[in-house]
Amino acid sequence: MKLSRVLILILPLLMSLLSSCEAIAGIFKAGMGFGIFIVVAIIIAIIAIVIRFNKQKS
């Protein structure tokens, strides 16, 4: 009887903790993908600016 009460109390706690960890992992994966996208966009913008300046000089 005591074991079932302990499981009833602990099981929802564990389930909520595990689901929050998965949610945070998903957020970090999305953040990493967005960060990579931003870095690539900035690099492309810098290359485009350098190419335009080189065309104007010649």
Protein backbone atom coordinates (compact mmCIF):
# COMPACT_ATOMS: atom_id res chain seq x y z
CA MET A 1 0.00 0.00 0.00
CA LYS A 2 2.79 2.45 0.85
CA LEU A 3 4.65 1.62 -2.34
CA SER A 4 1.66 2.50 -4.49
CA ARG A 5 1.29 5.86 -2.71
CA VAL A 6 4.95 6.63 -3.28
CA LEU A 7 4.63 5.72 -6.96
CA ILE A 8 1.54 7.88 -7.32
CA LEU A 9 3.46 10.85 -5.94
CA ILE A 10 6.77 10.29 -7.69
CA LEU A 11 5.60 9.16 -11.13
CA PRO A 12 3.95 12.47 -12.18
CA LEU A 13 7.01 14.35 -10.93
CA LEU A 14 9.36 12.21 -13.00
CA MET A 15 7.13 12.49 -16.05
CA SER A 16 7.05 16.26 -15.84
CA LEU A 17 10.81 16.49 -15.38
CA LEU A 18 11.56 14.22 -18.31
CA SER A 19 9.20 16.03 -20.66
CA SER A 20 10.71 19.39 -19.74
CA CYS A 21 14.18 18.06 -20.51
CA GLU A 22 13.00 16.96 -23.93
CA ALA A 23 11.42 20.35 -24.54
CA ILE A 24 14.63 22.15 -23.60
CA ALA A 25 16.63 19.83 -25.87
CA GLY A 26 14.30 20.73 -28.73
CA ILE A 27 14.72 24.43 -28.03
CA PHE A 28 18.51 24.12 -28.07
CA LYS A 29 18.44 22.18 -31.33
CA ALA A 30 16.23 24.85 -32.92
CA GLY A 31 18.47 27.58 -31.51
CA MET A 32 21.57 25.93 -32.90
CA GLY A 33 19.99 25.64 -36.34
CA PHE A 34 18.89 29.28 -36.25
CA GLY A 35 22.35 30.37 -35.11
CA ILE A 36 24.01 28.52 -37.96
CA PHE A 37 21.56 30.12 -40.39
CA ILE A 38 22.36 33.61 -39.08
CA VAL A 39 26.14 33.04 -39.30
CA VAL A 40 25.86 31.79 -42.88
CA ALA A 41 23.65 34.77 -43.81
CA ILE A 42 26.17 37.21 -42.33
CA ILE A 43 29.06 35.56 -44.17
CA ILE A 44 27.13 35.73 -47.46
CA ALA A 45 26.34 39.41 -46.83
CA ILE A 46 30.01 40.21 -46.16
CA ILE A 47 31.09 38.40 -49.33
CA ALA A 48 28.46 40.29 -51.35
CA ILE A 49 29.67 43.64 -49.96
CA VAL A 50 33.31 42.81 -50.75
CA ILE A 51 32.41 41.79 -54.31
CA ARG A 52 30.46 45.04 -54.87
CA PHE A 53 33.36 47.17 -53.61
CA ASN A 54 35.80 45.30 -55.84
CA LYS A 55 33.57 45.85 -58.90
CA GLN A 56 33.34 49.59 -58.20
CA LYS A 57 37.14 49.97 -57.92
CA SER A 58 37.82 48.38 -61.30
